[in-house]
């Protein structure tokens, strides 16, 4: 477990590409045969101005910039990848390979994760401050994210995918709902699909989606942003998932009109995942996490956490509480360096989910409901 600041010149990070799959609520009979899962999350893939995007932060069979790689017929999956930024003009973001797209494309806080187990396969991918300028088309977004899940239930497999998405295209802003898809024509040059493949929940065992798909044949550009895949092959009888619970998420809060981007991944009572907080250059690997399935338990634990300022009045509707997690990191001598509190208040995450960071020994500290993004709990049984 360690922290390291983001430096101008070396800003490659292995962020999160985790397909967190955990069980749905409820106790079920033991499975006669194992449930198996497949999944993948890729942040950027395709080509820009005729140039294929390289494999950066991924396995040998990587499909683009920050990719978990594909998983097939696995009984459990836990994988994540990340990168602080790619081709941002004001920062030296790329360590290797060299910048191949110039300043045509730039993104920050690239995150991908795939996790599966119990009865659910989940995949998520996200980026912040997306910008593409090609063939006279200017396309941008504060945050782009996609989520997909496939879950076994007593009535068969159920899938869902999508996230509320806002994109600005040539000065006009388009906002698309979680389970909706919209195609925006680019007269004379191509089109943009927002929330491609978003749908559900509905019956099915496999689903694919992406936050943004940009096709501009006139500039030999076919770019997919935040692409996710999840599927499940259900056992005849379901088994209750393990006692471990996970949290994943990313986005930004906006206190005093300043967007503060973050991303988190943590596993209950384990040193796993990460905390990424861009404004202070904080990148923590393998924080220790405690997950709470009730607001009562969370409030009791917070009485011993004087650095965290949360109280119930900061949430909109307490009945929508889905879970929370406290993630901590320490120095080599065991002294506490900082901690994060995240709360999942159901869907949508915007203006409902909660994020707070307290970094001891510095002025870093911020809290509030999300202005963009989502917190997702996995693993209730």
Protein backbone atom coordinates (compact mmCIF):
# COMPACT_ATOMS: atom_id res chain seq x y z
CA UNK A 1 0.00 0.00 0.00
CA UNK A 2 1.48 3.31 -1.00
CA UNK A 3 0.72 6.72 -2.38
CA UNK A 4 2.43 8.65 -5.11
CA UNK A 5 1.78 12.13 -6.50
CA UNK A 6 0.93 12.75 -10.13
CA UNK A 7 3.96 14.24 -11.80
CA UNK A 8 4.22 16.18 -15.05
CA UNK A 9 6.27 13.82 -17.15
CA UNK A 10 5.30 10.48 -15.74
CA UNK A 11 1.58 10.13 -15.37
CA UNK A 12 0.76 6.58 -16.33
CA UNK A 13 -1.35 4.82 -13.80
CA UNK A 14 -2.93 1.45 -13.69
CA UNK A 15 -6.45 2.48 -12.94
CA UNK A 16 -9.46 0.44 -12.63
CA UNK A 17 -10.69 -2.06 -15.05
CA UNK A 18 -12.63 -4.26 -12.78
CA UNK A 19 -15.63 -6.36 -13.54
CA UNK A 20 -17.00 -6.56 -10.02
CA UNK A 21 -19.48 -9.31 -9.89
CA UNK A 22 -21.22 -10.10 -6.74
CA UNK A 23 -24.60 -11.53 -5.73
CA UNK A 24 -28.02 -10.04 -5.67
CA UNK A 25 -29.77 -9.56 -2.38
CA UNK A 26 -31.48 -12.57 -0.87
CA UNK A 27 -30.49 -16.08 0.24
CA UNK A 28 -30.69 -18.82 -2.38
CA UNK A 29 -30.09 -22.55 -2.65
CA UNK A 30 -26.58 -23.84 -3.31
CA UNK A 31 -25.70 -24.23 -6.99
CA UNK A 32 -25.50 -27.71 -8.48
CA UNK A 33 -23.09 -26.46 -11.15
CA UNK A 34 -20.92 -23.35 -11.23
CA UNK A 35 -22.14 -20.10 -12.73
CA UNK A 36 -19.59 -18.76 -15.24
CA UNK A 37 -18.94 -15.23 -16.41
CA UNK A 38 -17.43 -13.26 -19.29
CA UNK A 39 -16.66 -9.57 -19.47
CA UNK A 40 -14.45 -6.75 -20.72
CA UNK A 41 -14.05 -3.01 -20.24
CA UNK A 42 -12.12 -0.75 -22.61
CA UNK A 43 -11.80 3.03 -22.27
CA UNK A 44 -10.68 4.04 -25.80
CA UNK A 45 -10.65 1.85 -28.89
CA UNK A 46 -10.72 2.22 -32.65
CA UNK A 47 -8.90 4.71 -34.83
CA UNK A 48 -8.56 8.50 -35.08
CA UNK A 49 -7.61 10.19 -38.35
CA UNK A 50 -6.62 6.81 -39.76
CA UNK A 51 -4.36 5.96 -36.81
CA UNK A 52 -5.26 2.87 -34.72
CA UNK A 53 -5.18 3.60 -31.00
CA UNK A 54 -2.35 1.68 -29.33
CA UNK A 55 -2.62 -0.85 -26.53
CA UNK A 56 -1.76 1.06 -23.33
CA UNK A 57 -2.36 -0.33 -19.84
CA UNK A 58 -3.69 -3.74 -20.72
CA UNK A 59 -2.73 -7.40 -21.23
CA UNK A 60 -1.11 -8.87 -24.35
CA UNK A 61 -4.52 -9.11 -26.02
CA UNK A 62 -5.32 -5.50 -25.13
CA UNK A 63 -7.89 -3.82 -27.38
CA UNK A 64 -7.05 -0.15 -26.86
CA UNK A 65 -6.05 2.55 -24.39
CA UNK A 66 -6.76 1.14 -20.90
CA UNK A 67 -8.34 -2.28 -21.35
CA UNK A 68 -9.01 -5.16 -18.98
CA UNK A 69 -8.75 -7.65 -21.79
CA UNK A 70 -11.45 -10.24 -22.46
CA UNK A 71 -12.51 -12.89 -19.94
CA UNK A 72 -14.47 -15.95 -21.03
CA UNK A 73 -16.24 -18.67 -19.05
CA UNK A 74 -14.58 -17.73 -15.77
CA UNK A 75 -15.95 -18.64 -12.34
CA UNK A 76 -14.58 -15.40 -10.86
CA UNK A 77 -13.13 -12.19 -12.33
CA UNK A 78 -11.38 -9.26 -10.66
CA UNK A 79 -9.40 -6.99 -12.98
CA UNK A 80 -8.75 -3.25 -13.24
CA UNK A 81 -6.63 -0.90 -15.33
CA UNK A 82 -6.13 2.86 -15.33
CA UNK A 83 -4.23 5.86 -16.67
CA UNK A 84 -4.17 9.46 -15.45
CA UNK A 85 -4.29 11.07 -18.87
CA UNK A 86 -3.70 10.57 -22.58
CA UNK A 87 -2.53 13.26 -25.00
CA UNK A 88 -3.46 16.24 -22.81
CA UNK A 89 -1.68 19.30 -24.31
CA UNK A 90 -0.69 20.83 -20.94
CA UNK A 91 0.69 17.61 -19.43
CA UNK A 92 3.24 14.98 -20.38
CA UNK A 93 0.84 12.11 -19.79
CA UNK A 94 2.23 9.32 -21.90
CA UNK A 95 5.21 7.26 -20.79
CA UNK A 96 5.10 4.65 -23.56
CA UNK A 97 4.27 4.19 -26.37
CA UNK A 98 4.69 7.61 -27.99
CA UNK A 99 1.78 9.90 -28.68
CA UNK A 100 0.30 8.74 -32.01
CA UNK A 101 -2.70 11.06 -32.33
CA UNK A 102 -1.10 14.42 -31.56
CA UNK A 103 -3.54 16.76 -29.83
CA UNK A 104 -6.57 15.64 -31.83
CA UNK A 105 -7.72 13.47 -28.90
CA UNK A 106 -7.27 14.13 -25.18
CA UNK A 107 -8.76 12.53 -22.08
CA UNK A 108 -8.04 12.33 -18.35
CA UNK A 109 -8.66 9.86 -15.49
CA UNK A 110 -9.14 6.72 -17.60
CA UNK A 111 -10.71 3.87 -15.60
CA UNK A 112 -11.83 0.35 -16.48
CA UNK A 113 -12.89 -2.54 -14.26
CA UNK A 114 -14.40 -6.01 -14.55
CA UNK A 115 -15.58 -8.06 -11.58
CA UNK A 116 -17.67 -11.21 -11.48
CA UNK A 117 -18.65 -13.79 -8.92
CA UNK A 118 -21.65 -15.14 -7.04
CA UNK A 119 -24.49 -14.49 -9.48
CA UNK A 120 -23.44 -11.25 -11.24
CA UNK A 121 -20.96 -10.09 -13.84
CA UNK A 122 -20.27 -6.34 -13.94
CA UNK A 123 -18.13 -4.12 -16.15
CA UNK A 124 -17.53 -0.37 -16.03
CA UNK A 125 -15.37 2.17 -17.85
CA UNK A 126 -15.08 5.95 -17.58
CA UNK A 127 -13.03 9.01 -18.57
CA UNK A 128 -13.00 12.68 -17.61
CA UNK A 129 -12.49 15.81 -19.70
CA UNK A 130 -12.90 14.08 -23.07
CA UNK A 131 -12.04 16.15 -26.15
CA UNK A 132 -11.90 15.25 -29.84
CA UNK A 133 -11.29 17.76 -32.62
CA UNK A 134 -11.26 16.21 -36.10
CA UNK A 135 -12.67 17.14 -39.52
CA UNK A 136 -13.91 20.43 -38.07
CA UNK A 137 -16.01 18.59 -35.47
CA UNK A 138 -15.54 19.45 -31.79
CA UNK A 139 -16.85 16.84 -29.37
CA UNK A 140 -16.36 17.02 -25.60
CA UNK A 141 -17.67 15.86 -22.22
CA UNK A 142 -16.86 16.45 -18.55
CA UNK A 143 -17.28 12.73 -17.86
CA UNK A 144 -18.19 9.69 -19.94
CA UNK A 145 -19.03 6.38 -18.35
CA UNK A 146 -20.66 3.08 -19.20
CA UNK A 147 -21.79 0.26 -16.94
CA UNK A 148 -23.08 -3.22 -17.80
CA UNK A 149 -24.22 -6.15 -15.70
CA UNK A 150 -25.62 -9.64 -16.20
CA UNK A 151 -27.28 -11.28 -13.19
CA UNK A 152 -28.74 -14.73 -12.52
CA UNK A 153 -32.14 -14.67 -10.82
CA UNK A 154 -34.68 -17.36 -9.98
CA UNK A 155 -36.46 -16.34 -13.21
CA UNK A 156 -33.37 -16.54 -15.41
CA UNK A 157 -30.63 -14.09 -16.37
CA UNK A 158 -31.28 -10.34 -16.45
CA UNK A 159 -29.05 -7.73 -18.13
CA UNK A 160 -28.81 -3.96 -18.05
CA UNK A 161 -26.40 -1.32 -19.35
CA UNK A 162 -25.98 2.42 -19.66
CA UNK A 163 -25.46 5.59 -17.64
CA UNK A 164 -26.84 9.11 -17.90
CA UNK A 165 -24.54 10.84 -20.39
CA UNK A 166 -24.04 14.48 -21.42
CA UNK A 167 -21.99 15.35 -24.51
CA UNK A 168 -21.32 18.69 -26.20
CA UNK A 169 -21.11 18.48 -30.00
CA UNK A 170 -20.12 21.60 -31.91
CA UNK A 171 -21.33 23.81 -29.08
CA UNK A 172 -24.68 22.06 -28.46
CA UNK A 173 -25.18 19.91 -25.35
CA UNK A 174 -27.06 16.59 -25.52
CA UNK A 175 -28.13 14.66 -22.40
CA UNK A 176 -29.29 11.06 -22.70
CA UNK A 177 -30.93 8.98 -19.95
CA UNK A 178 -29.48 5.83 -18.39
CA UNK A 179 -31.31 3.29 -20.57
CA UNK A 180 -31.66 5.48 -23.67
CA UNK A 181 -29.64 5.74 -26.91
CA UNK A 182 -29.47 8.77 -29.20
CA UNK A 183 -27.79 9.20 -32.59
CA UNK A 184 -26.62 12.71 -33.53
CA UNK A 185 -25.87 13.29 -37.25
CA UNK A 186 -22.79 15.25 -38.29
CA UNK A 187 -23.97 16.56 -41.66
CA UNK A 188 -21.67 15.67 -44.47
CA UNK A 189 -19.08 13.86 -42.36
CA UNK A 190 -20.60 11.20 -40.07
CA UNK A 191 -22.54 10.67 -36.82
CA UNK A 192 -22.24 10.21 -33.05
CA UNK A 193 -24.08 7.60 -30.97
CA UNK A 194 -24.58 8.42 -27.27
CA UNK A 195 -25.18 5.49 -24.86
CA UNK A 196 -24.92 2.92 -27.65
CA UNK A 197 -26.50 -0.37 -26.56
CA UNK A 198 -27.98 1.04 -23.33
CA UNK A 199 -31.09 -0.85 -22.21
CA UNK A 200 -32.73 -2.84 -19.46
CA UNK A 201 -33.22 -4.32 -17.12
CA UNK A 202 -34.59 -7.13 -19.29
CA UNK A 203 -34.18 -10.86 -19.85
CA UNK A 204 -30.91 -11.92 -21.46
CA UNK A 205 -27.51 -13.31 -20.63
CA UNK A 206 -25.19 -10.94 -22.55
CA UNK A 207 -25.02 -7.18 -23.14
CA UNK A 208 -22.66 -4.66 -24.77
CA UNK A 209 -22.73 -0.88 -24.45
CA UNK A 210 -20.58 2.22 -24.79
CA UNK A 211 -20.83 5.81 -23.62
CA UNK A 212 -19.90 7.30 -26.99
CA UNK A 213 -19.33 6.00 -30.52
CA UNK A 214 -17.99 8.53 -33.03
CA UNK A 215 -17.96 7.64 -36.73
CA UNK A 216 -16.50 10.19 -39.18
CA UNK A 217 -15.64 8.38 -42.45
CA UNK A 218 -14.49 11.66 -44.00
CA UNK A 219 -11.61 11.70 -41.50
CA UNK A 220 -11.13 7.90 -41.29
CA UNK A 221 -12.25 8.02 -37.65
CA UNK A 222 -14.18 5.32 -35.78
CA UNK A 223 -13.71 5.85 -32.03
CA UNK A 224 -15.52 4.10 -29.17
CA UNK A 225 -15.31 5.60 -25.67
CA UNK A 226 -16.04 3.61 -22.47
CA UNK A 227 -17.00 0.27 -23.99
CA UNK A 228 -18.25 -2.54 -21.71
CA UNK A 229 -19.37 -6.14 -22.07
CA UNK A 230 -20.92 -8.48 -19.50
CA UNK A 231 -22.49 -11.90 -19.74
CA UNK A 232 -23.34 -14.81 -17.48
CA UNK A 233 -24.10 -18.52 -17.88
CA UNK A 234 -26.28 -19.36 -14.90
CA UNK A 235 -26.05 -22.53 -12.87
CA UNK A 236 -29.26 -24.51 -12.54
CA UNK A 237 -29.55 -23.46 -8.90
CA UNK A 238 -28.03 -20.27 -7.60
CA UNK A 239 -25.54 -20.07 -4.78
CA UNK A 240 -25.25 -17.24 -2.32
CA UNK A 241 -22.17 -15.13 -3.10
CA UNK A 242 -19.15 -14.88 -0.85
CA UNK A 243 -19.11 -12.66 2.24
CA UNK A 244 -16.81 -10.18 0.51
CA UNK A 245 -18.35 -6.97 -0.77
CA UNK A 246 -16.87 -4.50 -3.25
CA UNK A 247 -17.30 -0.85 -4.11
CA UNK A 248 -16.32 0.81 -7.40
CA UNK A 249 -17.02 4.21 -8.87
CA UNK A 250 -15.83 7.47 -10.30
CA UNK A 251 -16.96 10.94 -11.23
CA UNK A 252 -16.72 14.39 -9.69
CA UNK A 253 -18.16 16.64 -7.03
CA UNK A 254 -18.52 20.34 -7.68
CA UNK A 255 -18.15 22.41 -4.50
CA UNK A 256 -17.85 26.14 -5.13
CA UNK A 257 -18.03 25.56 -8.88
CA UNK A 258 -14.79 23.55 -9.03
CA UNK A 259 -14.96 20.07 -10.56
CA UNK A 260 -13.02 17.59 -8.41
CA UNK A 261 -12.56 14.28 -10.25
CA UNK A 262 -12.01 10.97 -8.45
CA UNK A 263 -12.19 7.21 -8.88
CA UNK A 264 -12.29 4.43 -6.28
CA UNK A 265 -12.25 0.64 -5.95
CA UNK A 266 -12.21 -1.27 -2.67
CA UNK A 267 -12.91 -4.68 -1.19
CA UNK A 268 -14.35 -5.27 2.26
CA UNK A 269 -11.71 -5.93 4.96
CA UNK A 270 -8.92 -6.24 2.40
CA UNK A 271 -6.04 -4.24 0.92
CA UNK A 272 -7.26 -4.04 -2.68
CA UNK A 273 -8.15 -1.50 -5.36
CA UNK A 274 -7.25 2.18 -5.48
CA UNK A 275 -8.13 5.77 -4.68
CA UNK A 276 -7.48 8.40 -7.36
CA UNK A 277 -8.09 12.09 -6.61
CA UNK A 278 -6.94 14.33 -9.44
CA UNK A 279 -6.95 17.81 -7.80
CA UNK A 280 -4.29 16.80 -5.26
CA UNK A 281 -2.48 14.26 -7.44
CA UNK A 282 -3.34 11.43 -5.02
CA UNK A 283 -2.98 7.88 -6.31
CA UNK A 284 -3.32 5.22 -3.63
CA UNK A 285 -2.86 1.56 -4.48
CA UNK A 286 -4.50 -1.14 -2.36
CA UNK A 287 -6.27 0.91 0.31
CA UNK A 288 -7.91 -0.90 3.21
CA UNK A 289 -11.70 -0.83 2.90
CA UNK A 290 -14.67 -1.37 5.19
CA UNK A 291 -18.04 -1.86 3.51
CA UNK A 292 -21.37 -1.13 5.23
CA UNK A 293 -24.75 -2.52 4.19
CA UNK A 294 -26.77 -0.36 6.58
CA UNK A 295 -26.83 3.34 7.33
CA UNK A 296 -27.04 2.51 11.04
CA UNK A 297 -23.74 0.60 10.90
CA UNK A 298 -22.11 3.39 8.90
CA UNK A 299 -23.15 6.07 11.39
CA UNK A 300 -21.80 3.96 14.27
CA UNK A 301 -18.45 3.55 12.52
CA UNK A 302 -18.19 7.25 11.71
CA UNK A 303 -18.19 8.08 15.42
CA UNK A 304 -14.59 6.80 15.46
CA UNK A 305 -13.62 8.70 12.27
CA UNK A 306 -13.15 12.37 13.31
CA UNK A 307 -11.61 13.31 9.95
CA UNK A 308 -14.81 12.54 8.03
CA UNK A 309 -17.53 15.18 8.24
CA UNK A 310 -20.51 13.22 6.88
CA UNK A 311 -23.93 13.34 8.51
CA UNK A 312 -27.27 12.01 7.25
CA UNK A 313 -28.52 15.47 6.27
CA UNK A 314 -26.15 15.39 3.29
CA UNK A 315 -28.26 12.64 1.65
CA UNK A 316 -31.53 13.24 -0.19
CA UNK A 317 -33.61 10.14 0.59
CA UNK A 318 -32.30 7.80 3.29
CA UNK A 319 -34.58 5.00 2.10
CA UNK A 320 -32.50 4.68 -1.09
CA UNK A 321 -29.30 3.78 0.77
CA UNK A 322 -27.59 0.88 -1.07
CA UNK A 323 -24.31 0.73 0.85
CA UNK A 324 -21.17 2.65 1.74
CA UNK A 325 -17.45 2.15 2.12
CA UNK A 326 -14.58 3.81 3.97
CA UNK A 327 -11.18 3.41 2.27
CA UNK A 328 -8.00 4.23 4.21
CA UNK A 329 -4.29 4.46 3.47
CA UNK A 330 -1.33 4.74 5.84
CA UNK A 331 2.38 5.52 5.94
CA UNK A 332 5.04 2.82 6.37
CA UNK A 333 4.96 3.33 10.14
CA UNK A 334 1.21 2.69 10.21
CA UNK A 335 0.12 6.28 10.77
CA UNK A 336 -3.03 7.26 8.90
CA UNK A 337 -2.44 9.41 5.79
CA UNK A 338 -5.96 9.79 4.48
CA UNK A 339 -9.37 8.27 3.93
CA UNK A 340 -12.33 8.39 1.60
CA UNK A 341 -16.03 7.81 2.22
CA UNK A 342 -18.31 6.83 -0.66
CA UNK A 343 -22.05 6.15 -0.45
CA UNK A 344 -24.28 4.49 -3.05
CA UNK A 345 -27.77 5.99 -3.00
CA UNK A 346 -29.18 4.05 -5.94
CA UNK A 347 -29.68 5.32 -9.46
CA UNK A 348 -28.93 7.78 -10.82
CA UNK A 349 -25.69 8.53 -9.01
CA UNK A 350 -25.74 12.20 -9.97
CA UNK A 351 -26.96 14.40 -7.10
CA UNK A 352 -27.62 11.31 -4.95
CA UNK A 353 -24.39 9.37 -4.39
CA UNK A 354 -21.85 10.87 -2.00
CA UNK A 355 -18.04 11.29 -1.98
CA UNK A 356 -15.75 12.67 0.72
CA UNK A 357 -11.96 12.73 1.00
CA UNK A 358 -9.85 13.64 4.03
CA UNK A 359 -6.08 13.67 3.53
CA UNK A 360 -4.29 14.23 6.82
CA UNK A 361 -1.34 16.58 7.11
CA UNK A 362 -2.47 18.69 4.17
CA UNK A 363 -5.28 20.99 3.14
CA UNK A 364 -6.80 18.33 0.91
CA UNK A 365 -10.40 17.75 1.88
CA UNK A 366 -13.70 17.90 0.02
CA UNK A 367 -17.17 16.42 0.20
CA UNK A 368 -20.54 16.49 -1.49
CA UNK A 369 -23.10 14.67 -3.59
CA UNK A 370 -21.89 13.71 -7.04
CA UNK A 371 -22.32 16.22 -9.86
CA UNK A 372 -21.24 13.55 -12.34
CA UNK A 373 -20.55 9.82 -12.24
CA UNK A 374 -21.69 6.98 -10.00
CA UNK A 375 -20.85 4.93 -6.90
CA UNK A 376 -21.72 1.23 -7.17
CA UNK A 377 -21.86 -1.37 -4.40
CA UNK A 378 -21.40 -5.05 -5.26
CA UNK A 379 -21.83 -8.16 -3.17
CA UNK A 380 -24.91 -7.97 -1.01
CA UNK A 381 -26.26 -11.40 -0.15
